[in-house]
Amino acid sequence: MNKQSISKVKMFFMGLQNRFNENSEIFKGITVTYEAGLKKFTGNGTYQDGNIRYNFNGKTEVLDISVLFNKIVIEAEKYETASIVYSERGTNVLITADNKNVKMSNLAVKEETELTAEKTAATSTLLNRDYYIKIGKADPLLKEIGIMTKEGKIKNDKIRKYNQIDHYVELLEGILDKLPKNQTINILDCGCGKSYLTFVLNYYLTEVKKRKCHFIGLDYSEGVIQASKKMAQNLGYRNMEFHAMDIKDYVATKKIHVVISLHACDTATDMALALGIRVDSDVIIAVPCCHRELLNQYSYEPFKGILKHGVFKTRMADILTDGMRSLLLEAKGYEVSVVEYISPLETPKNLMIRAIKTSDENDAAMSEYLNLMSEFNVYPALYAFLNQWE
């Protein structure tokens, strides 16, 4: 290949090297194909601890990205044409070069499966909507979290779950779009469990929205943390870390942009909300679970005749708990919205609290909150956790 074409290849490699250095966590691999006459010679590289494990002509080496690109260029001089596919999560970059032209283009990522008419019929309860987590492109993810069979069909008993995770992304999309651009978005999942929804969010932000992001999962169970680590390894999601620890023991070492708490039991939700406030997170998302704390605390004389019925007292405790959580978030400078996450027919614990940091503390909201504490004779865990950490 002539010097002019080689120079152009070098120029494109400079851009790819910067791309790798800025976000090597989403790099998947590189394939190089040289041609001379009817003969083809192929090299393949995969990520290994910040470098590239590259095999060509039966020899395997672990190389720095700059060394690898230099090696490819030197080898290209011996051939008539070369094509290089640089693969990232959600993106493939193709460079083709010969003695006349050097071109670089983005390739559509090949879908593993197509949803055939037969599969559509078999999954007729899928919603008539344009899904955010699309069958085909998201197949590796959907298979790993158990939503899809190996053959590429949504499992009949997981269709409802698939609809739920897609609606979860829909509820968060507009909020996440407001986060700072051109920097890594750090997302902390408190009480992450097996992290299914966090894996879904990782896929969507990285491969659909093309946002640079990093996820941190916390859970006191060593077993579920190890399961999450294994799933991340299987998927090649290197922009994730998981820690077996109590939420209250976590100390942030980087700016946290989003704190998520999904179905954390009782006051674990309060601990996650308090952590989000303490680290001044831009966004806090919570889907609370069982509400036991205030049930035996609160009393309200005007409602005495109503609250003598246990079912009313329990439901009022649920509303009071999440209502006061929302109000305290407002007092701390967050704009709060509360929406139904899934149908109440599936579970009564179906509320999502979405909080976006918009201002400094709101004294009026705090005054209202303290008045409610007095009127209902309660001392909520969220208020207690914040006082402990201040």
Protein backbone atom coordinates (compact mmCIF):
# COMPACT_ATOMS: atom_id res chain seq x y z
CA MET A 1 0.00 0.00 0.00
CA ASN A 2 1.37 3.43 -0.92
CA LYS A 3 2.61 6.06 1.54
CA GLN A 4 -0.32 8.40 0.92
CA SER A 5 -2.86 5.76 1.94
CA ILE A 6 -0.75 4.71 4.92
CA SER A 7 -0.67 8.33 6.13
CA LYS A 8 -4.48 8.51 6.01
CA VAL A 9 -4.77 5.26 7.95
CA LYS A 10 -2.46 6.71 10.61
CA MET A 11 -4.67 9.80 10.86
CA PHE A 12 -7.81 7.69 11.44
CA PHE A 13 -5.91 5.59 14.00
CA MET A 14 -5.07 8.74 15.96
CA GLY A 15 -8.78 9.40 16.37
CA LEU A 16 -9.49 5.80 17.41
CA GLN A 17 -6.61 5.87 19.89
CA ASN A 18 -8.07 8.97 21.56
CA ARG A 19 -11.44 7.25 21.59
CA PHE A 20 -9.96 4.18 23.28
CA ASN A 21 -8.06 6.24 25.85
CA GLU A 22 -11.16 8.26 26.74
CA ASN A 23 -13.45 5.26 27.23
CA SER A 24 -11.76 1.89 26.94
CA GLU A 25 -14.52 0.36 29.10
CA ILE A 26 -16.81 -0.01 26.06
CA PHE A 27 -14.15 -1.41 23.68
CA LYS A 28 -15.06 -4.90 22.46
CA GLY A 29 -12.48 -5.87 19.87
CA ILE A 30 -10.62 -5.20 16.64
CA THR A 31 -10.42 -7.28 13.47
CA VAL A 32 -7.88 -6.58 10.75
CA THR A 33 -8.02 -8.19 7.31
CA TYR A 34 -5.22 -7.76 4.78
CA GLU A 35 -5.52 -8.86 1.15
CA ALA A 36 -2.89 -9.59 -1.49
CA GLY A 37 -4.26 -11.09 -4.67
CA LEU A 38 -6.60 -13.89 -3.67
CA LYS A 39 -5.03 -14.37 -0.26
CA LYS A 40 -6.42 -12.97 2.99
CA PHE A 41 -4.70 -12.63 6.35
CA THR A 42 -6.67 -11.81 9.49
CA GLY A 43 -5.71 -10.50 12.92
CA ASN A 44 -7.99 -10.32 15.95
CA GLY A 45 -7.68 -8.30 19.12
CA THR A 46 -9.60 -8.29 22.41
CA TYR A 47 -9.39 -6.16 25.55
CA GLN A 48 -7.06 -7.27 28.36
CA ASP A 49 -6.37 -5.09 31.40
CA GLY A 50 -6.10 -1.80 29.54
CA ASN A 51 -4.25 -3.30 26.58
CA ILE A 52 -5.15 -5.38 23.53
CA ARG A 53 -4.51 -9.10 23.24
CA TYR A 54 -3.77 -9.42 19.52
CA ASN A 55 -3.32 -12.58 17.45
CA PHE A 56 -1.90 -12.48 13.93
CA ASN A 57 -0.20 -15.21 11.90
CA GLY A 58 -0.34 -17.60 14.85
CA LYS A 59 1.41 -15.22 17.24
CA THR A 60 -0.39 -13.65 20.22
CA GLU A 61 0.86 -10.50 21.94
CA VAL A 62 -0.53 -8.14 24.58
CA LEU A 63 0.01 -4.62 23.23
CA ASP A 64 -0.65 -1.03 24.14
CA ILE A 65 -3.23 0.50 21.76
CA SER A 66 -0.63 2.83 20.19
CA VAL A 67 1.80 -0.06 19.66
CA LEU A 68 -0.94 -2.15 18.10
CA PHE A 69 -1.95 0.55 15.64
CA ASN A 70 1.68 1.07 14.67
CA LYS A 71 2.05 -2.67 14.13
CA ILE A 72 -1.06 -2.74 11.91
CA VAL A 73 0.26 0.16 9.83
CA ILE A 74 3.65 -1.47 9.29
CA GLU A 75 1.97 -4.71 8.24
CA ALA A 76 -0.43 -2.87 5.89
CA GLU A 77 2.50 -1.63 3.82
CA LYS A 78 3.01 -5.21 2.60
CA TYR A 79 -0.51 -5.66 1.19
CA GLU A 80 -2.80 -4.23 -1.50
CA THR A 81 -5.80 -3.61 0.74
CA ALA A 82 -6.65 -3.59 4.42
CA SER A 83 -9.90 -3.37 6.36
CA ILE A 84 -10.10 -2.71 10.07
CA VAL A 85 -13.25 -3.16 12.17
CA TYR A 86 -12.98 -1.40 15.54
CA SER A 87 -15.85 -2.59 17.75
CA GLU A 88 -17.41 -0.90 20.76
CA ARG A 89 -20.62 -1.63 22.62
CA GLY A 90 -23.34 -0.50 20.21
CA THR A 91 -20.93 0.75 17.51
CA ASN A 92 -18.63 -0.70 14.86
CA VAL A 93 -16.17 1.54 13.01
CA LEU A 94 -14.90 0.32 9.62
CA ILE A 95 -11.73 1.57 7.96
CA THR A 96 -11.06 0.36 4.40
CA ALA A 97 -7.82 1.20 2.63
CA ASP A 98 -6.15 0.53 -0.72
CA ASN A 99 -3.82 2.45 -3.01
CA LYS A 100 -6.63 4.74 -4.19
CA ASN A 101 -8.87 5.45 -1.21
CA VAL A 102 -9.02 5.30 2.57
CA LYS A 103 -12.47 5.54 4.09
CA MET A 104 -13.89 5.38 7.59
CA SER A 105 -17.57 4.70 8.32
CA ASN A 106 -19.85 3.49 11.09
CA LEU A 107 -21.40 0.08 10.64
CA ALA A 108 -24.81 -0.86 11.98
CA VAL A 109 -24.36 -3.38 14.77
CA LYS A 110 -25.71 -6.68 13.51
CA GLU A 111 -28.77 -7.86 15.34
CA GLU A 112 -28.56 -11.40 16.61
CA THR A 113 -32.14 -12.22 15.70
CA GLU A 114 -35.07 -10.79 13.82
CA LEU A 115 -38.51 -10.95 15.41
CA THR A 116 -40.26 -13.12 12.82
CA ALA A 117 -44.02 -13.31 12.35
CA GLU A 118 -43.98 -16.64 14.16
CA LYS A 119 -42.22 -15.14 17.17
CA THR A 120 -44.51 -12.13 17.16
CA ALA A 121 -47.52 -14.43 17.29
CA ALA A 122 -45.92 -16.40 20.11
CA THR A 123 -45.42 -13.20 22.10
CA SER A 124 -48.75 -11.57 21.32
CA THR A 125 -48.95 -9.86 24.70
CA LEU A 126 -46.04 -7.59 23.84
CA LEU A 127 -47.28 -4.04 23.77
CA ASN A 128 -48.01 -2.25 20.52
CA ARG A 129 -45.21 0.26 21.02
CA ASP A 130 -41.73 1.15 19.87
CA TYR A 131 -39.68 -0.49 22.61
CA TYR A 132 -36.67 1.26 24.10
CA ILE A 133 -34.97 -2.09 24.75
CA LYS A 134 -35.37 -3.62 21.33
CA ILE A 135 -35.48 -7.31 20.57
CA GLY A 136 -32.54 -8.08 18.31
CA LYS A 137 -30.08 -5.41 19.34
CA ALA A 138 -30.54 -6.11 23.05
CA ASP A 139 -30.61 -9.90 22.73
CA PRO A 140 -27.38 -10.59 24.70
CA LEU A 141 -28.71 -8.49 27.59
CA LEU A 142 -32.20 -10.00 27.51
CA LYS A 143 -30.76 -13.52 27.47
CA GLU A 144 -28.37 -12.82 30.33
CA ILE A 145 -31.10 -11.47 32.62
CA GLY A 146 -33.39 -14.38 31.76
CA ILE A 147 -36.03 -12.54 29.73
CA MET A 148 -35.24 -14.27 26.42
CA THR A 149 -34.59 -17.86 25.40
CA LYS A 150 -31.37 -18.94 23.68
CA GLU A 151 -33.38 -19.06 20.44
CA GLY A 152 -34.22 -15.36 20.68
CA LYS A 153 -37.84 -15.49 21.87
CA ILE A 154 -39.21 -13.60 24.85
CA LYS A 155 -40.21 -16.21 27.43
CA ASN A 156 -43.97 -16.40 27.91
CA ASP A 157 -43.67 -16.02 31.68
CA LYS A 158 -41.29 -13.05 31.29
CA ILE A 159 -43.33 -10.89 28.89
CA ARG A 160 -44.74 -8.83 31.76
CA LYS A 161 -41.22 -8.37 33.15
CA TYR A 162 -39.97 -7.27 29.72
CA ASN A 163 -42.74 -4.68 29.52
CA GLN A 164 -41.85 -3.47 33.02
CA ILE A 165 -38.16 -2.95 32.33
CA ASP A 166 -38.95 -1.10 29.13
CA HIS A 167 -41.38 1.19 30.94
CA TYR A 168 -38.68 1.77 33.58
CA VAL A 169 -36.37 3.14 30.87
CA GLU A 170 -39.21 5.23 29.45
CA LEU A 171 -39.84 6.86 32.85
CA LEU A 172 -36.18 7.76 33.25
CA GLU A 173 -35.22 8.79 29.72
CA GLY A 174 -36.24 12.44 29.90
CA ILE A 175 -34.63 12.85 33.32
CA LEU A 176 -31.33 11.29 32.25
CA ASP A 177 -31.21 13.53 29.18
CA LYS A 178 -30.85 16.48 31.56
CA LEU A 179 -27.62 15.19 33.08
CA PRO A 180 -24.31 16.88 32.19
CA LYS A 181 -22.97 16.14 28.72
CA ASN A 182 -19.38 15.32 27.80
CA GLN A 183 -18.53 13.67 31.10
CA THR A 184 -18.90 10.26 32.68
CA ILE A 185 -22.27 9.84 34.39
CA ASN A 186 -21.76 7.95 37.66
CA ILE A 187 -24.81 5.98 38.79
CA LEU A 188 -25.04 4.45 42.27
CA ASP A 189 -27.49 1.57 42.79
CA CYS A 190 -28.28 1.12 46.49
CA GLY A 191 -29.46 -2.34 47.48
CA CYS A 192 -28.79 -3.46 43.92
CA GLY A 193 -29.64 -7.15 44.34
CA LYS A 194 -29.01 -8.91 41.02
CA SER A 195 -29.03 -5.50 39.32
CA TYR A 196 -31.29 -6.46 36.39
CA LEU A 197 -32.67 -2.95 35.89
CA THR A 198 -29.23 -1.43 36.29
CA PHE A 199 -27.91 -3.70 33.54
CA VAL A 200 -30.82 -2.55 31.38
CA LEU A 201 -30.03 1.10 32.10
CA ASN A 202 -26.35 0.47 31.37
CA TYR A 203 -27.24 -1.00 27.98
CA TYR A 204 -29.57 1.86 27.10
CA LEU A 205 -27.25 4.69 28.12
CA THR A 206 -24.13 3.15 26.59
CA GLU A 207 -25.36 1.49 23.42
CA VAL A 208 -28.47 3.51 22.51
CA LYS A 209 -27.86 6.99 23.92
CA LYS A 210 -24.05 6.77 23.46
CA ARG A 211 -23.43 8.30 26.90
CA LYS A 212 -20.26 7.59 28.84
CA CYS A 213 -21.38 6.14 32.17
CA HIS A 214 -20.16 4.15 35.15
CA PHE A 215 -22.28 2.08 37.54
CA ILE A 216 -21.65 1.24 41.19
CA GLY A 217 -23.78 -1.43 42.85
CA LEU A 218 -24.07 -1.84 46.62
CA ASP A 219 -25.69 -4.73 48.48
CA TYR A 220 -24.97 -6.37 51.82
CA SER A 221 -25.36 -9.86 50.27
CA GLU A 222 -22.07 -11.29 49.01
CA GLY A 223 -24.02 -13.85 46.98
CA VAL A 224 -25.97 -11.36 44.86
CA ILE A 225 -22.87 -9.19 44.43
CA GLN A 226 -20.97 -12.15 43.00
CA ALA A 227 -23.93 -12.93 40.72
CA SER A 228 -23.92 -9.34 39.45
CA LYS A 229 -20.18 -9.43 38.84
CA LYS A 230 -20.59 -12.64 36.83
CA MET A 231 -23.34 -11.14 34.69
CA ALA A 232 -21.23 -8.05 34.00
CA GLN A 233 -18.34 -10.28 32.98
CA ASN A 234 -20.56 -12.38 30.70
CA LEU A 235 -21.91 -9.26 28.98
CA GLY A 236 -18.55 -7.51 28.76
CA TYR A 237 -19.89 -4.55 30.78
CA ARG A 238 -16.62 -3.26 32.21
CA ASN A 239 -18.16 0.07 33.26
CA MET A 240 -19.62 -1.54 36.39
CA GLU A 241 -18.34 -2.28 39.89
CA PHE A 242 -20.10 -4.07 42.73
CA HIS A 243 -19.44 -4.01 46.47
CA ALA A 244 -20.83 -6.17 49.27
CA MET A 245 -21.42 -3.56 51.94
CA ASP A 246 -24.05 -1.66 53.86
CA ILE A 247 -25.34 1.50 52.19
CA LYS A 248 -24.50 3.61 55.25
CA ASP A 249 -20.82 2.60 55.00
CA TYR A 250 -20.35 3.79 51.42
CA VAL A 251 -18.03 6.74 50.89
CA ALA A 252 -18.12 8.30 47.43
CA THR A 253 -14.74 8.76 45.74
CA LYS A 254 -16.17 10.48 42.67
CA LYS A 255 -19.08 12.73 41.79
CA ILE A 256 -22.34 10.76 41.93
CA HIS A 257 -24.88 11.99 39.38
CA VAL A 258 -27.69 9.48 39.94
CA VAL A 259 -28.70 7.44 43.00
CA ILE A 260 -31.14 4.58 42.42
CA SER A 261 -33.00 2.51 45.00
CA LEU A 262 -35.33 -0.14 43.61
CA HIS A 263 -37.47 -2.15 46.03
CA ALA A 264 -35.11 -1.63 48.96
CA CYS A 265 -36.99 -2.92 51.97
CA ASP A 266 -38.52 -0.46 54.47
CA THR A 267 -35.91 1.96 55.87
CA ALA A 268 -33.23 0.81 53.39
CA THR A 269 -35.02 3.13 50.96
CA ASP A 270 -34.57 5.97 53.45
CA MET A 271 -30.89 5.14 53.79
CA ALA A 272 -30.50 5.32 49.99
CA LEU A 273 -32.39 8.62 49.79
CA ALA A 274 -30.26 10.06 52.59
CA LEU A 275 -27.10 8.95 50.78
CA GLY A 276 -28.33 10.61 47.57
CA ILE A 277 -28.94 13.86 49.43
CA ARG A 278 -25.60 13.62 51.27
CA VAL A 279 -23.57 13.21 48.05
CA ASP A 280 -25.61 15.98 46.40
CA SER A 281 -26.73 13.68 43.60
CA ASP A 282 -28.26 15.40 40.57
CA VAL A 283 -31.01 12.78 40.37
CA ILE A 284 -32.50 10.39 42.93
CA ILE A 285 -34.83 7.58 41.83
CA ALA A 286 -36.61 5.34 44.34
CA VAL A 287 -39.20 2.59 44.03
CA PRO A 288 -40.00 1.94 47.72
CA CYS A 289 -40.94 -1.46 49.04
CA CYS A 290 -42.59 -2.58 52.31
CA HIS A 291 -43.48 0.32 54.62
CA ARG A 292 -43.32 -0.81 58.24
CA GLU A 293 -41.55 1.98 60.08
CA LEU A 294 -44.31 4.59 60.54
CA LEU A 295 -47.18 2.12 60.92
CA ASN A 296 -46.67 1.77 64.66
CA GLN A 297 -45.48 5.34 65.17
CA TYR A 298 -48.10 7.62 63.78
CA SER A 299 -51.36 8.77 65.27
CA TYR A 300 -53.75 11.51 64.18
CA GLU A 301 -56.69 12.35 66.40
CA PRO A 302 -59.00 13.79 63.67
CA PHE A 303 -58.74 10.42 61.83
CA LYS A 304 -59.23 8.29 64.94
CA GLY A 305 -62.57 6.92 63.74
CA ILE A 306 -61.07 5.95 60.40
CA LEU A 307 -57.71 4.60 61.51
CA LYS A 308 -59.29 2.12 63.90
CA HIS A 309 -59.64 -0.09 60.80
CA GLY A 310 -56.31 -1.82 60.28
CA VAL A 311 -56.41 -1.74 56.48
CA PHE A 312 -56.93 2.04 56.48
CA LYS A 313 -54.18 2.55 59.03
CA THR A 314 -51.76 0.50 56.91
CA ARG A 315 -52.59 2.32 53.67
CA MET A 316 -52.34 5.67 55.41
CA ALA A 317 -48.90 4.68 56.72
CA ASP A 318 -47.78 3.92 53.15
CA ILE A 319 -48.97 7.30 51.89
CA LEU A 320 -47.55 9.15 54.88
CA THR A 321 -44.15 7.46 54.50
CA ASP A 322 -43.69 8.21 50.79
CA GLY A 323 -45.36 11.60 51.06
CA MET A 324 -42.97 12.72 53.79
CA ARG A 325 -40.02 11.30 51.87
CA SER A 326 -41.04 13.40 48.87
CA LEU A 327 -41.52 16.50 50.99
CA LEU A 328 -38.10 16.18 52.64
CA LEU A 329 -36.50 15.79 49.20
CA GLU A 330 -38.20 19.06 48.23
CA ALA A 331 -36.86 20.65 51.40
CA LYS A 332 -33.37 19.63 50.29
CA GLY A 333 -33.73 21.39 46.94
CA TYR A 334 -35.15 18.65 44.72
CA GLU A 335 -38.04 18.91 42.29
CA VAL A 336 -40.07 15.78 42.97
CA SER A 337 -42.59 13.83 40.94
CA VAL A 338 -44.32 10.61 42.00
CA VAL A 339 -45.67 8.28 39.32
CA GLU A 340 -47.06 4.76 39.08
CA TYR A 341 -44.21 2.54 37.95
CA ILE A 342 -46.34 -0.50 37.12
CA SER A 343 -50.01 -1.36 37.37
CA PRO A 344 -51.43 -1.56 40.92
CA LEU A 345 -53.03 -4.84 39.80
CA GLU A 346 -49.55 -6.39 39.86
CA THR A 347 -48.45 -4.94 43.21
CA PRO A 348 -49.64 -2.12 45.47
CA LYS A 349 -45.97 -1.14 45.95
CA ASN A 350 -45.89 0.49 42.54
CA LEU A 351 -44.82 4.08 43.09
CA MET A 352 -41.67 5.66 41.70
CA ILE A 353 -40.26 8.79 43.34
CA ARG A 354 -38.23 10.88 40.90
CA ALA A 355 -36.21 13.78 42.31
CA ILE A 356 -34.08 16.26 40.36
CA LYS A 357 -31.79 18.71 42.14
CA THR A 358 -32.82 22.23 41.11
CA SER A 359 -32.02 24.58 43.99
CA ASP A 360 -30.66 25.07 47.47
CA GLU A 361 -32.67 24.03 50.50
CA ASN A 362 -36.33 25.02 50.65
CA ASP A 363 -37.05 26.42 54.11
CA ALA A 364 -40.82 26.50 53.62
CA ALA A 365 -40.90 22.80 52.71
CA MET A 366 -38.72 21.95 55.69
CA SER A 367 -41.03 23.88 58.01
CA GLU A 368 -44.02 22.00 56.61
CA TYR A 369 -42.16 18.70 57.09
CA LEU A 370 -41.35 19.45 60.73
CA ASN A 371 -44.98 20.39 61.36
CA LEU A 372 -46.10 17.03 59.95
CA MET A 373 -43.65 15.23 62.22
CA SER A 374 -45.29 16.97 65.18
CA GLU A 375 -48.88 16.50 64.05
CA PHE A 376 -48.50 12.78 63.31
CA ASN A 377 -46.10 12.13 66.19
CA VAL A 378 -43.50 10.50 63.93
CA TYR A 379 -39.70 10.56 63.60
CA PRO A 380 -39.01 9.20 60.07
CA ALA A 381 -35.86 7.24 59.31
CA LEU A 382 -34.90 9.54 56.43
CA TYR A 383 -34.77 12.53 58.77
CA ALA A 384 -32.82 10.49 61.33
CA PHE A 385 -30.25 9.28 58.78
CA LEU A 386 -29.65 12.80 57.50
CA ASN A 387 -29.08 14.08 61.03
CA GLN A 388 -26.66 11.24 61.76
CA TRP A 389 -24.54 12.07 58.69
CA GLU A 390 -24.51 15.84 59.09
